[in-house]
């Protein structure tokens, strides 16, 4: 769950919080819900998806390490959720080939990459799972996980690359 103040887009600054000295960024595939759904199965999930986009999800790791109950706090600082700039509709990516989509988190020369099929939970499973907790509405975004996180610091430019969807890049700045 992310508050609206976390949301930024392509080329917007990720502002590091004063309270944290250890922040990571994670590239993720994001699923955009297209139709309201509640209590759906994994097999039904694709029919409720409008499309996909690219996400950078930030975490103040040192805050989370103090107490796992601080997950929301560690992920909810302003500018900690960048997404876009592209939306690829579900009909542009075959459901059966979604597992082969490669996701990469890049920060300078450092990068981590993997394919969706290697993730613990598939995008369709995650949509189904969350629909059993809450009603998902059109426009809701479900982030699906990451191939790995990279530490970011002021002066960096971090990038999320989702094969077949696009890339998203943000500069990282010190607290203002």
Protein backbone atom coordinates (compact mmCIF):
# COMPACT_ATOMS: atom_id res chain seq x y z
CA UNK A 1 0.00 0.00 0.00
CA UNK A 2 1.42 3.34 -1.03
CA UNK A 3 0.12 6.83 -0.29
CA UNK A 4 -0.35 9.13 -3.28
CA UNK A 5 2.56 11.32 -2.11
CA UNK A 6 4.99 8.52 -3.00
CA UNK A 7 4.08 8.68 -6.69
CA UNK A 8 6.50 10.21 -9.19
CA UNK A 9 7.18 9.64 -12.88
CA UNK A 10 9.97 9.50 -15.42
CA UNK A 11 12.89 11.84 -14.59
CA UNK A 12 11.31 13.08 -11.33
CA UNK A 13 13.68 13.17 -8.36
CA UNK A 14 13.76 10.43 -5.75
CA UNK A 15 14.36 12.39 -2.54
CA UNK A 16 16.20 10.42 0.11
CA UNK A 17 14.67 10.78 3.59
CA UNK A 18 16.70 12.35 6.40
CA UNK A 19 15.73 9.46 8.72
CA UNK A 20 17.46 6.83 6.57
CA UNK A 21 21.05 6.12 5.57
CA UNK A 22 20.29 2.93 3.59
CA UNK A 23 17.74 3.16 0.76
CA UNK A 24 17.28 0.64 -2.03
CA UNK A 25 15.47 0.76 -5.37
CA UNK A 26 13.79 -2.22 -7.00
CA UNK A 27 12.59 -2.55 -10.59
CA UNK A 28 9.22 -4.26 -10.85
CA UNK A 29 6.52 -5.10 -13.33
CA UNK A 30 3.29 -3.40 -12.34
CA UNK A 31 -0.13 -4.79 -13.20
CA UNK A 32 -2.84 -2.19 -13.83
CA UNK A 33 -6.32 -3.40 -12.95
CA UNK A 34 -8.92 -2.77 -15.66
CA UNK A 35 -12.14 -4.09 -14.11
CA UNK A 36 -13.35 -4.29 -10.53
CA UNK A 37 -12.67 -7.68 -9.01
CA UNK A 38 -13.12 -9.48 -5.72
CA UNK A 39 -12.33 -13.11 -4.79
CA UNK A 40 -11.13 -14.13 -8.24
CA UNK A 41 -9.02 -17.17 -9.08
CA UNK A 42 -5.56 -17.07 -10.58
CA UNK A 43 -7.04 -18.36 -13.87
CA UNK A 44 -9.56 -15.49 -13.89
CA UNK A 45 -6.98 -12.79 -13.09
CA UNK A 46 -5.87 -12.02 -16.67
CA UNK A 47 -9.42 -11.00 -17.58
CA UNK A 48 -9.31 -8.19 -14.99
CA UNK A 49 -5.98 -6.73 -16.11
CA UNK A 50 -5.90 -3.62 -18.29
CA UNK A 51 -2.16 -3.60 -18.84
CA UNK A 52 1.36 -3.37 -17.50
CA UNK A 53 3.91 -0.69 -16.71
CA UNK A 54 7.33 -0.25 -15.16
CA UNK A 55 7.90 0.56 -11.49
CA UNK A 56 10.77 1.64 -9.24
CA UNK A 57 9.88 0.83 -5.64
CA UNK A 58 12.12 2.31 -2.93
CA UNK A 59 12.68 1.04 0.63
CA UNK A 60 14.41 2.64 3.61
CA UNK A 61 16.05 -0.65 4.59
CA UNK A 62 17.59 0.54 7.86
CA UNK A 63 14.14 1.58 9.11
CA UNK A 64 12.66 -1.77 8.10
CA UNK A 65 15.52 -3.64 9.81
CA UNK A 66 14.70 -1.95 13.12
CA UNK A 67 11.27 -3.55 13.11
CA UNK A 68 9.50 -5.56 10.36
CA UNK A 69 6.23 -3.87 11.35
CA UNK A 70 7.74 -0.68 9.90
CA UNK A 71 7.29 -1.95 6.31
CA UNK A 72 4.70 0.67 5.43
CA UNK A 73 6.83 3.43 6.96
CA UNK A 74 9.98 2.19 5.18
CA UNK A 75 8.23 2.22 1.79
CA UNK A 76 5.99 5.29 2.09
CA UNK A 77 8.32 8.29 2.01
CA UNK A 78 7.45 10.93 -0.56
CA UNK A 79 8.87 10.03 -4.02
CA UNK A 80 9.28 6.31 -3.15
CA UNK A 81 7.12 4.96 -6.00
CA UNK A 82 8.00 5.85 -9.57
CA UNK A 83 6.01 4.37 -12.41
CA UNK A 84 5.47 4.66 -16.14
CA UNK A 85 6.03 6.26 -18.53
CA UNK A 86 4.54 3.53 -20.71
CA UNK A 87 1.46 1.36 -20.40
CA UNK A 88 1.31 -1.78 -22.50
CA UNK A 89 -2.19 -3.22 -22.72
CA UNK A 90 -2.75 -6.86 -21.87
CA UNK A 91 -3.55 -7.74 -25.49
CA UNK A 92 -0.04 -6.62 -26.51
CA UNK A 93 1.65 -9.31 -24.36
CA UNK A 94 0.49 -12.90 -24.57
CA UNK A 95 -0.39 -14.31 -21.15
CA UNK A 96 1.70 -17.40 -21.78
CA UNK A 97 4.81 -15.35 -22.65
CA UNK A 98 4.59 -13.04 -19.61
CA UNK A 99 6.84 -15.40 -17.62
CA UNK A 100 9.72 -14.82 -20.05
CA UNK A 101 9.70 -11.03 -19.61
CA UNK A 102 13.05 -9.88 -18.20
CA UNK A 103 13.17 -7.25 -15.44
CA UNK A 104 16.34 -5.32 -14.64
CA UNK A 105 17.24 -2.89 -11.85
CA UNK A 106 20.22 -0.75 -12.91
CA UNK A 107 22.24 1.86 -11.02
CA UNK A 108 25.28 2.96 -12.99
CA UNK A 109 27.40 -0.11 -13.76
CA UNK A 110 25.56 -2.23 -11.20
CA UNK A 111 22.52 -4.26 -12.22
CA UNK A 112 20.39 -7.22 -11.23
CA UNK A 113 18.13 -9.01 -13.68
CA UNK A 114 15.80 -11.99 -13.87
CA UNK A 115 12.69 -13.25 -15.65
CA UNK A 116 9.17 -13.20 -14.21
CA UNK A 117 8.90 -17.02 -14.27
CA UNK A 118 11.69 -17.16 -11.65
CA UNK A 119 9.67 -15.04 -9.22
CA UNK A 120 8.09 -16.71 -6.18
CA UNK A 121 4.58 -15.51 -7.12
CA UNK A 122 3.27 -14.91 -10.64
CA UNK A 123 1.50 -11.65 -11.53
CA UNK A 124 -1.79 -13.54 -11.93
CA UNK A 125 -1.39 -15.18 -8.51
CA UNK A 126 -0.77 -11.76 -6.92
CA UNK A 127 -3.89 -10.23 -8.49
CA UNK A 128 -5.96 -13.18 -7.27
CA UNK A 129 -4.38 -13.07 -3.78
CA UNK A 130 -5.02 -9.35 -3.31
CA UNK A 131 -8.57 -9.65 -4.65
CA UNK A 132 -9.25 -12.02 -1.76
CA UNK A 133 -8.17 -9.32 0.70
CA UNK A 134 -9.64 -6.21 -0.91
CA UNK A 135 -11.76 -5.21 -3.86
CA UNK A 136 -9.47 -4.15 -6.68
CA UNK A 137 -10.72 -1.21 -8.74
CA UNK A 138 -9.85 0.00 -12.25
CA UNK A 139 -6.58 1.92 -12.09
CA UNK A 140 -5.27 0.07 -9.02
CA UNK A 141 -1.64 -0.96 -9.42
CA UNK A 142 -0.23 -4.24 -8.14
CA UNK A 143 3.57 -4.40 -8.03
CA UNK A 144 4.81 -7.91 -8.64
CA UNK A 145 8.26 -8.11 -7.06
CA UNK A 146 11.82 -7.57 -8.09
CA UNK A 147 14.86 -9.39 -9.45
CA UNK A 148 16.83 -7.61 -6.76
CA UNK A 149 17.34 -4.31 -5.01
CA UNK A 150 20.27 -1.93 -5.43
CA UNK A 151 21.43 0.62 -2.88
CA UNK A 152 20.92 4.21 -4.03
CA UNK A 153 22.55 7.45 -2.86
CA UNK A 154 22.42 11.12 -3.83
CA UNK A 155 23.89 11.65 -7.29
CA UNK A 156 22.78 8.26 -8.63
CA UNK A 157 20.39 7.68 -11.50
CA UNK A 158 18.45 4.45 -11.01
CA UNK A 159 16.62 2.64 -13.79
CA UNK A 160 13.95 -0.03 -14.14
CA UNK A 161 13.84 -1.93 -17.40
CA UNK A 162 10.95 -4.28 -18.20
CA UNK A 163 11.50 -6.02 -21.50
CA UNK A 164 8.73 -5.33 -23.99
CA UNK A 165 7.29 -2.54 -21.84
CA UNK A 166 10.02 0.06 -21.49
CA UNK A 167 12.37 1.70 -19.07
CA UNK A 168 11.95 4.20 -16.27
CA UNK A 169 14.75 6.33 -14.89
CA UNK A 170 14.99 8.70 -11.93
CA UNK A 171 17.77 10.83 -10.42
CA UNK A 172 18.42 10.41 -6.68
CA UNK A 173 18.90 13.53 -4.54
CA UNK A 174 19.71 14.35 -0.93
CA UNK A 175 16.97 15.57 1.41
CA UNK A 176 15.87 19.13 0.72
